[in-house]
Structure formats: C-alpha cells, structure tokens
Amino acid sequence: MDEAIRYQRSAVSYQPEDHAAQLDTSHPSSYSWNVISSLLQVPLLTRSRVTTAYVAAVVTDGLQLLAGPLGWVAFDQALDAVAAILMWRLLGFHPLLLPTFVVEFLPVADMLPTWTGCVALVVALRKRQQRSVPAPPQGTVIDV
C-alpha cells in the first residue's frame, strides 16, 4: 500500500525537464490574451481555403433556401452557427462575419445568399490586405 501512495505522490510532483513546453498560467491575463490572439490570427489564404469557404457558404445558403422562409426549428440557427465557425477557421476572424450571422436570424433574410456574399467580400478584402504586405526576404535578416 505504501508503494502505491509513494508512486502517486511521485507522479503528482513530477516536473518535466522541458519548461518551455509548459503554458505560463501564472498570469491569467497573459494566458487569456495569448489564447485570444491565437484565435484571432489571420491565416494565409490558399486556394484550398478559399474553395472550401465558398463551397461551405453555397451549401449553407442552399440548405437554408430549401428549408423555406421560416426554416425548421433550430435547423437554420444550427446551420448558421456551424457556417460562422467554419468561415472563421478557414478565413480568420473578420467583422463582416458578425452581421452576417445576426442577419441570418431574420425570417426572410435567410433566403438570401448572405454567407456566399460574406465569403466573397472577406476573400476580396483579405487578398487586398495580403498583396499590400510585402513578403519577407529570404535568408538571414538583420534588423538594425
């Protein structure tokens, strides 16, 4: 029995050698800020991300059109929540996603292709933004 208690205590007090791999939770505000900033980070738009976002938007708008103007109970809302999260993960957070999500709760507005329009606007804005940022030079960079 003492062996089991000693083993449990040693397992609880085990500290890995690589301290850099641990999250710094000593300051809750810095940990929260790191999590939030990683969630709001804008991914690089690739052809597959853009294509997947357009396909998801068209499928979402098509399913909502088939559901009718009043939709089914909670089906439209669940579809909008999934679409919003998917667009956010594919294209990165953009303020245009919020009004699109809210507009979809209006009974007749969900008949419009709002997700497809939102994806088109976000992709155009992100591409313009990525063109204006110069690519980092190859090789060693010494900043003076």
N, C-alpha and C. Protein backbone atom coordinates (compact mmCIF):
# COMPACT_ATOMS: atom_id res chain seq x y z
N MET A 1 0.83 -1.19 0.00
CA MET A 1 0.00 0.00 0.00
C MET A 1 0.87 1.25 0.00
N ASP A 2 1.97 1.23 0.78
CA ASP A 2 2.87 2.39 0.81
C ASP A 2 3.51 2.62 -0.56
N GLU A 3 3.75 1.56 -1.30
CA GLU A 3 4.32 1.69 -2.63
C GLU A 3 3.38 2.47 -3.54
N ALA A 4 2.08 2.17 -3.46
CA ALA A 4 1.09 2.85 -4.31
C ALA A 4 1.00 4.32 -3.94
N ILE A 5 0.99 4.66 -2.66
CA ILE A 5 0.92 6.06 -2.23
C ILE A 5 2.18 6.79 -2.65
N ARG A 6 3.34 6.18 -2.49
CA ARG A 6 4.60 6.80 -2.88
C ARG A 6 4.62 7.04 -4.40
N TYR A 7 4.10 6.07 -5.18
CA TYR A 7 4.05 6.22 -6.62
C TYR A 7 3.13 7.37 -7.01
N GLN A 8 1.96 7.49 -6.36
CA GLN A 8 1.04 8.58 -6.67
C GLN A 8 1.65 9.93 -6.34
N ARG A 9 2.31 10.03 -5.22
CA ARG A 9 2.95 11.30 -4.84
C ARG A 9 4.05 11.68 -5.81
N SER A 10 4.83 10.68 -6.22
CA SER A 10 5.91 11.00 -7.16
C SER A 10 5.34 11.38 -8.52
N ALA A 11 4.21 10.80 -8.92
CA ALA A 11 3.59 11.15 -10.20
C ALA A 11 3.02 12.56 -10.16
N VAL A 12 2.48 12.96 -9.02
CA VAL A 12 1.90 14.29 -8.91
C VAL A 12 2.98 15.35 -8.89
N SER A 13 4.08 15.07 -8.25
CA SER A 13 5.13 16.08 -8.12
C SER A 13 6.13 16.04 -9.28
N TYR A 14 5.91 15.22 -10.27
CA TYR A 14 6.81 15.12 -11.41
C TYR A 14 6.81 16.43 -12.19
N GLN A 15 7.98 16.95 -12.44
CA GLN A 15 8.15 18.16 -13.24
C GLN A 15 8.96 17.80 -14.47
N PRO A 16 8.44 18.02 -15.65
CA PRO A 16 9.21 17.71 -16.85
C PRO A 16 10.42 18.63 -16.98
N GLU A 17 11.43 18.13 -17.66
CA GLU A 17 12.66 18.89 -17.83
C GLU A 17 12.48 20.08 -18.77
N ASP A 18 11.61 19.93 -19.75
CA ASP A 18 11.41 20.98 -20.74
C ASP A 18 10.35 21.96 -20.24
N HIS A 19 10.79 23.03 -19.60
CA HIS A 19 9.87 24.01 -19.04
C HIS A 19 9.28 24.92 -20.13
N ALA A 20 9.90 24.99 -21.29
CA ALA A 20 9.39 25.85 -22.35
C ALA A 20 8.10 25.28 -22.95
N ALA A 21 7.91 23.96 -22.83
CA ALA A 21 6.73 23.34 -23.40
C ALA A 21 5.49 23.60 -22.56
N GLN A 22 5.67 24.01 -21.31
CA GLN A 22 4.53 24.26 -20.44
C GLN A 22 3.94 25.63 -20.73
N LEU A 23 2.63 25.75 -20.53
CA LEU A 23 1.97 27.04 -20.66
C LEU A 23 2.20 27.86 -19.42
N ASP A 24 2.44 29.13 -19.60
CA ASP A 24 2.63 30.02 -18.46
C ASP A 24 1.26 30.49 -17.99
N THR A 25 0.76 29.86 -16.94
CA THR A 25 -0.56 30.22 -16.41
C THR A 25 -0.42 31.02 -15.13
N SER A 26 0.78 31.51 -14.84
CA SER A 26 0.97 32.28 -13.62
C SER A 26 0.23 33.61 -13.69
N HIS A 27 0.11 34.17 -14.86
CA HIS A 27 -0.63 35.41 -15.05
C HIS A 27 -1.83 35.11 -15.93
N PRO A 28 -3.01 35.02 -15.34
CA PRO A 28 -4.20 34.65 -16.13
C PRO A 28 -4.47 35.59 -17.28
N SER A 29 -4.18 36.88 -17.11
CA SER A 29 -4.47 37.81 -18.19
C SER A 29 -3.55 37.57 -19.39
N SER A 30 -2.29 37.24 -19.16
CA SER A 30 -1.39 36.98 -20.29
C SER A 30 -1.76 35.68 -20.99
N TYR A 31 -2.20 34.68 -20.22
CA TYR A 31 -2.63 33.43 -20.82
C TYR A 31 -3.88 33.67 -21.67
N SER A 32 -4.84 34.43 -21.14
CA SER A 32 -6.08 34.73 -21.88
C SER A 32 -5.76 35.50 -23.15
N TRP A 33 -4.87 36.45 -23.03
CA TRP A 33 -4.51 37.26 -24.19
C TRP A 33 -3.86 36.40 -25.27
N ASN A 34 -3.00 35.45 -24.87
CA ASN A 34 -2.35 34.57 -25.84
C ASN A 34 -3.37 33.69 -26.54
N VAL A 35 -4.35 33.19 -25.80
CA VAL A 35 -5.39 32.36 -26.41
C VAL A 35 -6.23 33.18 -27.38
N ILE A 36 -6.64 34.37 -26.95
CA ILE A 36 -7.47 35.22 -27.81
C ILE A 36 -6.71 35.63 -29.07
N SER A 37 -5.45 36.02 -28.91
CA SER A 37 -4.69 36.45 -30.09
C SER A 37 -4.44 35.29 -31.05
N SER A 38 -4.29 34.08 -30.53
CA SER A 38 -4.11 32.94 -31.44
C SER A 38 -5.41 32.62 -32.18
N LEU A 39 -6.57 32.85 -31.53
CA LEU A 39 -7.84 32.60 -32.20
C LEU A 39 -8.16 33.67 -33.25
N LEU A 40 -7.65 34.87 -33.06
CA LEU A 40 -7.93 35.97 -33.99
C LEU A 40 -6.87 36.12 -35.07
N GLN A 41 -5.90 35.25 -35.08
CA GLN A 41 -4.82 35.33 -36.07
C GLN A 41 -5.38 35.06 -37.47
N VAL A 42 -4.97 35.85 -38.42
CA VAL A 42 -5.45 35.73 -39.80
C VAL A 42 -4.58 34.72 -40.54
N PRO A 43 -5.19 33.64 -41.05
CA PRO A 43 -4.39 32.66 -41.79
C PRO A 43 -4.09 33.15 -43.20
N LEU A 44 -3.07 32.60 -43.79
CA LEU A 44 -2.72 32.91 -45.16
C LEU A 44 -3.76 32.25 -46.07
N LEU A 45 -4.34 33.04 -46.97
CA LEU A 45 -5.35 32.48 -47.87
C LEU A 45 -4.69 31.61 -48.93
N THR A 46 -5.11 30.38 -48.97
CA THR A 46 -4.65 29.47 -50.01
C THR A 46 -5.84 29.13 -50.90
N ARG A 47 -5.56 28.55 -52.01
CA ARG A 47 -6.63 28.19 -52.94
C ARG A 47 -7.59 27.19 -52.29
N SER A 48 -7.06 26.24 -51.53
CA SER A 48 -7.93 25.24 -50.91
C SER A 48 -8.80 25.87 -49.81
N ARG A 49 -8.27 26.82 -49.05
CA ARG A 49 -9.07 27.50 -48.02
C ARG A 49 -10.21 28.30 -48.65
N VAL A 50 -9.90 29.02 -49.71
CA VAL A 50 -10.91 29.85 -50.38
C VAL A 50 -11.98 28.95 -51.02
N THR A 51 -11.56 27.89 -51.68
CA THR A 51 -12.51 26.97 -52.31
C THR A 51 -13.41 26.32 -51.27
N THR A 52 -12.83 25.87 -50.18
CA THR A 52 -13.62 25.25 -49.11
C THR A 52 -14.60 26.24 -48.51
N ALA A 53 -14.18 27.48 -48.33
CA ALA A 53 -15.07 28.50 -47.78
C ALA A 53 -16.24 28.78 -48.72
N TYR A 54 -15.95 28.89 -50.03
CA TYR A 54 -17.03 29.11 -50.99
C TYR A 54 -18.01 27.92 -51.03
N VAL A 55 -17.47 26.71 -51.03
CA VAL A 55 -18.33 25.52 -51.06
C VAL A 55 -19.21 25.48 -49.81
N ALA A 56 -18.62 25.73 -48.65
CA ALA A 56 -19.40 25.72 -47.40
C ALA A 56 -20.47 26.81 -47.41
N ALA A 57 -20.15 27.97 -47.94
CA ALA A 57 -21.12 29.07 -48.00
C ALA A 57 -22.26 28.75 -48.94
N VAL A 58 -21.96 28.21 -50.11
CA VAL A 58 -23.00 27.87 -51.08
C VAL A 58 -23.89 26.75 -50.56
N VAL A 59 -23.28 25.75 -49.92
CA VAL A 59 -24.07 24.65 -49.35
C VAL A 59 -24.97 25.17 -48.23
N THR A 60 -24.44 26.03 -47.37
CA THR A 60 -25.24 26.59 -46.28
C THR A 60 -26.40 27.40 -46.83
N ASP A 61 -26.14 28.28 -47.79
CA ASP A 61 -27.21 29.08 -48.38
C ASP A 61 -28.23 28.21 -49.11
N GLY A 62 -27.76 27.17 -49.78
CA GLY A 62 -28.67 26.26 -50.48
C GLY A 62 -29.57 25.50 -49.52
N LEU A 63 -29.01 25.00 -48.42
CA LEU A 63 -29.82 24.29 -47.43
C LEU A 63 -30.84 25.22 -46.78
N GLN A 64 -30.46 26.47 -46.56
CA GLN A 64 -31.40 27.41 -45.97
C GLN A 64 -32.50 27.78 -46.97
N LEU A 65 -32.17 27.83 -48.23
CA LEU A 65 -33.19 28.10 -49.26
C LEU A 65 -34.17 26.94 -49.33
N LEU A 66 -33.67 25.71 -49.25
CA LEU A 66 -34.54 24.54 -49.28
C LEU A 66 -35.41 24.43 -48.03
N ALA A 67 -34.93 24.95 -46.91
CA ALA A 67 -35.69 24.87 -45.65
C ALA A 67 -36.89 25.79 -45.67
N GLY A 68 -36.90 26.77 -46.54
CA GLY A 68 -38.04 27.67 -46.64
C GLY A 68 -37.83 28.94 -45.83
N PRO A 69 -38.75 29.90 -45.96
CA PRO A 69 -38.58 31.20 -45.30
C PRO A 69 -38.63 31.12 -43.78
N LEU A 70 -39.39 30.20 -43.22
CA LEU A 70 -39.45 30.10 -41.77
C LEU A 70 -38.49 29.06 -41.23
N GLY A 71 -37.95 28.23 -42.08
CA GLY A 71 -36.98 27.23 -41.67
C GLY A 71 -37.58 26.18 -40.75
N TRP A 72 -36.78 25.29 -40.31
CA TRP A 72 -37.20 24.29 -39.34
C TRP A 72 -36.72 24.75 -37.99
N VAL A 73 -37.30 24.22 -36.97
CA VAL A 73 -36.97 24.63 -35.61
C VAL A 73 -35.49 24.34 -35.35
N ALA A 74 -34.74 25.36 -35.10
CA ALA A 74 -33.32 25.33 -34.73
C ALA A 74 -32.40 24.81 -35.84
N PHE A 75 -32.93 24.35 -36.97
CA PHE A 75 -32.07 23.87 -38.05
C PHE A 75 -31.29 25.02 -38.66
N ASP A 76 -31.99 26.11 -38.98
CA ASP A 76 -31.32 27.27 -39.57
C ASP A 76 -30.28 27.86 -38.63
N GLN A 77 -30.62 27.96 -37.36
CA GLN A 77 -29.70 28.54 -36.39
C GLN A 77 -28.46 27.66 -36.21
N ALA A 78 -28.65 26.37 -36.15
CA ALA A 78 -27.50 25.46 -36.03
C ALA A 78 -26.64 25.52 -37.28
N LEU A 79 -27.28 25.59 -38.43
CA LEU A 79 -26.54 25.70 -39.69
C LEU A 79 -25.73 26.99 -39.74
N ASP A 80 -26.33 28.10 -39.26
CA ASP A 80 -25.61 29.37 -39.22
C ASP A 80 -24.44 29.34 -38.26
N ALA A 81 -24.61 28.70 -37.11
CA ALA A 81 -23.52 28.61 -36.13
C ALA A 81 -22.36 27.80 -36.70
N VAL A 82 -22.67 26.70 -37.35
CA VAL A 82 -21.61 25.87 -37.96
C VAL A 82 -20.93 26.65 -39.08
N ALA A 83 -21.71 27.35 -39.90
CA ALA A 83 -21.13 28.12 -41.00
C ALA A 83 -20.23 29.24 -40.48
N ALA A 84 -20.67 29.93 -39.43
CA ALA A 84 -19.87 31.03 -38.87
C ALA A 84 -18.54 30.51 -38.32
N ILE A 85 -18.59 29.40 -37.60
CA ILE A 85 -17.35 28.83 -37.04
C ILE A 85 -16.44 28.33 -38.16
N LEU A 86 -17.01 27.71 -39.15
CA LEU A 86 -16.22 27.21 -40.28
C LEU A 86 -15.56 28.35 -41.05
N MET A 87 -16.31 29.42 -41.31
CA MET A 87 -15.74 30.57 -42.02
C MET A 87 -14.64 31.23 -41.20
N TRP A 88 -14.87 31.30 -39.90
CA TRP A 88 -13.87 31.90 -39.00
C TRP A 88 -12.59 31.09 -39.02
N ARG A 89 -12.69 29.76 -39.00
CA ARG A 89 -11.49 28.92 -39.00
C ARG A 89 -10.81 28.91 -40.38
N LEU A 90 -11.59 29.02 -41.45
CA LEU A 90 -10.99 28.98 -42.79
C LEU A 90 -10.40 30.32 -43.20
N LEU A 91 -11.13 31.41 -42.93
CA LEU A 91 -10.72 32.73 -43.42
C LEU A 91 -10.15 33.62 -42.32
N GLY A 92 -10.24 33.21 -41.09
CA GLY A 92 -9.83 34.05 -39.98
C GLY A 92 -10.99 34.95 -39.57
N PHE A 93 -10.91 35.48 -38.37
CA PHE A 93 -11.99 36.34 -37.90
C PHE A 93 -12.01 37.63 -38.71
N HIS A 94 -13.20 38.04 -39.11
CA HIS A 94 -13.40 39.31 -39.79
C HIS A 94 -14.72 39.89 -39.28
N PRO A 95 -14.79 41.21 -39.06
CA PRO A 95 -16.03 41.81 -38.54
C PRO A 95 -17.26 41.57 -39.42
N LEU A 96 -17.08 41.30 -40.71
CA LEU A 96 -18.22 41.04 -41.58
C LEU A 96 -18.94 39.73 -41.24
N LEU A 97 -18.27 38.84 -40.53
CA LEU A 97 -18.92 37.59 -40.16
C LEU A 97 -20.02 37.81 -39.13
N LEU A 98 -19.86 38.82 -38.28
CA LEU A 98 -20.84 39.07 -37.22
C LEU A 98 -22.19 39.53 -37.75
N PRO A 99 -22.28 40.58 -38.59
CA PRO A 99 -23.60 40.96 -39.09
C PRO A 99 -24.23 39.88 -39.97
N THR A 100 -23.42 39.12 -40.67
CA THR A 100 -23.96 38.04 -41.49
C THR A 100 -24.63 37.01 -40.59
N PHE A 101 -23.98 36.68 -39.49
CA PHE A 101 -24.55 35.72 -38.54
C PHE A 101 -25.85 36.25 -37.94
N VAL A 102 -25.89 37.53 -37.61
CA VAL A 102 -27.08 38.12 -37.00
C VAL A 102 -28.22 38.24 -38.01
N VAL A 103 -27.92 38.64 -39.24
CA VAL A 103 -28.94 38.80 -40.26
C VAL A 103 -29.63 37.47 -40.57
N GLU A 104 -28.90 36.38 -40.44
CA GLU A 104 -29.46 35.07 -40.74
C GLU A 104 -30.58 34.68 -39.77
N PHE A 105 -30.70 35.36 -38.64
CA PHE A 105 -31.77 35.05 -37.70
C PHE A 105 -33.10 35.70 -38.09
N LEU A 106 -33.08 36.62 -39.03
CA LEU A 106 -34.32 37.23 -39.52
C LEU A 106 -35.03 36.23 -40.44
N PRO A 107 -36.34 36.08 -40.31
CA PRO A 107 -37.06 35.00 -41.01
C PRO A 107 -36.90 34.98 -42.53
N VAL A 108 -36.98 36.11 -43.21
CA VAL A 108 -36.93 36.09 -44.67
C VAL A 108 -35.51 36.33 -45.18
N ALA A 109 -34.67 36.94 -44.38
CA ALA A 109 -33.31 37.26 -44.82
C ALA A 109 -32.47 36.01 -45.05
N ASP A 110 -32.85 34.89 -44.42
CA ASP A 110 -32.05 33.69 -44.64
C ASP A 110 -32.30 33.08 -46.02
N MET A 111 -33.23 33.64 -46.77
CA MET A 111 -33.45 33.20 -48.15
C MET A 111 -32.42 33.80 -49.10
N LEU A 112 -31.73 34.85 -48.67
CA LEU A 112 -30.70 35.49 -49.49
C LEU A 112 -29.37 34.76 -49.31
N PRO A 113 -28.51 34.79 -50.31
CA PRO A 113 -27.21 34.12 -50.20
C PRO A 113 -26.21 34.96 -49.39
N THR A 114 -26.52 35.16 -48.12
CA THR A 114 -25.69 36.04 -47.30
C THR A 114 -24.31 35.45 -47.00
N TRP A 115 -24.23 34.15 -46.76
CA TRP A 115 -22.92 33.55 -46.49
C TRP A 115 -22.02 33.60 -47.71
N THR A 116 -22.58 33.38 -48.87
CA THR A 116 -21.78 33.44 -50.10
C THR A 116 -21.27 34.86 -50.33
N GLY A 117 -22.13 35.85 -50.13
CA GLY A 117 -21.71 37.24 -50.27
C GLY A 117 -20.66 37.63 -49.25
N CYS A 118 -20.82 37.16 -48.03
CA CYS A 118 -19.84 37.46 -46.98
C CYS A 118 -18.48 36.85 -47.31
N VAL A 119 -18.48 35.61 -47.78
CA VAL A 119 -17.21 34.97 -48.15
C VAL A 119 -16.55 35.72 -49.29
N ALA A 120 -17.33 36.16 -50.28
CA ALA A 120 -16.76 36.91 -51.41
C ALA A 120 -16.12 38.21 -50.93
N LEU A 121 -16.80 38.93 -50.03
CA LEU A 121 -16.24 40.18 -49.51
C LEU A 121 -15.00 39.94 -48.66
N VAL A 122 -15.05 38.97 -47.77
CA VAL A 122 -13.90 38.70 -46.89
C VAL A 122 -12.70 38.24 -47.70
N VAL A 123 -12.91 37.38 -48.69
CA VAL A 123 -11.80 36.92 -49.53
C VAL A 123 -11.20 38.08 -50.30
N ALA A 124 -12.02 38.95 -50.86
CA ALA A 124 -11.51 40.10 -51.60
C ALA A 124 -10.71 41.03 -50.69
N LEU A 125 -11.23 41.28 -49.49
CA LEU A 125 -10.51 42.16 -48.55
C LEU A 125 -9.22 41.53 -48.06
N ARG A 126 -9.25 40.23 -47.80
CA ARG A 126 -8.03 39.55 -47.33
C ARG A 126 -6.97 39.50 -48.43
N LYS A 127 -7.38 39.28 -49.67
CA LYS A 127 -6.40 39.25 -50.77
C LYS A 127 -5.78 40.62 -50.96
N ARG A 128 -6.58 41.67 -50.86
CA ARG A 128 -6.04 43.02 -50.98
C ARG A 128 -5.07 43.30 -49.84
N GLN A 129 -5.41 42.85 -48.65
CA GLN A 129 -4.55 43.05 -47.48
C GLN A 129 -3.24 42.27 -47.64
N GLN A 130 -3.31 41.05 -48.15
CA GLN A 130 -2.10 40.24 -48.31
C GLN A 130 -1.21 40.77 -49.43
N ARG A 131 -1.80 41.41 -50.44
CA ARG A 131 -0.98 42.00 -51.50
C ARG A 131 -0.22 43.22 -51.01
N SER A 132 -0.82 43.96 -50.06
CA SER A 132 -0.17 45.19 -49.60
C SER A 132 0.96 44.91 -48.62
N VAL A 133 0.97 43.75 -48.00
CA VAL A 133 2.04 43.39 -47.07
C VAL A 133 3.16 42.75 -47.86
N PRO A 134 4.38 43.33 -47.82
CA PRO A 134 5.48 42.75 -48.60
C PRO A 134 5.92 41.42 -48.01
N ALA A 135 6.34 40.52 -48.88
CA ALA A 135 6.82 39.21 -48.45
C ALA A 135 8.17 39.37 -47.76
N PRO A 136 8.41 38.60 -46.71
CA PRO A 136 9.71 38.70 -46.03
C PRO A 136 10.82 38.21 -46.94
N PRO A 137 11.97 38.86 -46.90
CA PRO A 137 13.09 38.44 -47.75
C PRO A 137 13.62 37.09 -47.32
N GLN A 138 14.16 36.36 -48.28
CA GLN A 138 14.76 35.06 -48.00
C GLN A 138 16.14 35.24 -47.39
N GLY A 139 16.52 34.32 -46.53
CA GLY A 139 17.85 34.37 -45.95
C GLY A 139 17.84 35.05 -44.58
N THR A 140 19.02 35.38 -44.10
CA THR A 140 19.18 35.98 -42.80
C THR A 140 18.86 37.47 -42.87
N VAL A 141 18.03 37.93 -41.93
CA VAL A 141 17.67 39.34 -41.87
C VAL A 141 18.22 39.90 -40.57
N ILE A 142 18.95 40.99 -40.69
CA ILE A 142 19.49 41.67 -39.51
C ILE A 142 18.80 43.02 -39.43
N ASP A 143 18.01 43.19 -38.39
CA ASP A 143 17.26 44.42 -38.20
C ASP A 143 18.09 45.35 -37.33
N VAL A 144 18.40 46.54 -37.84
CA VAL A 144 19.25 47.47 -37.09
C VAL A 144 18.40 48.60 -36.55
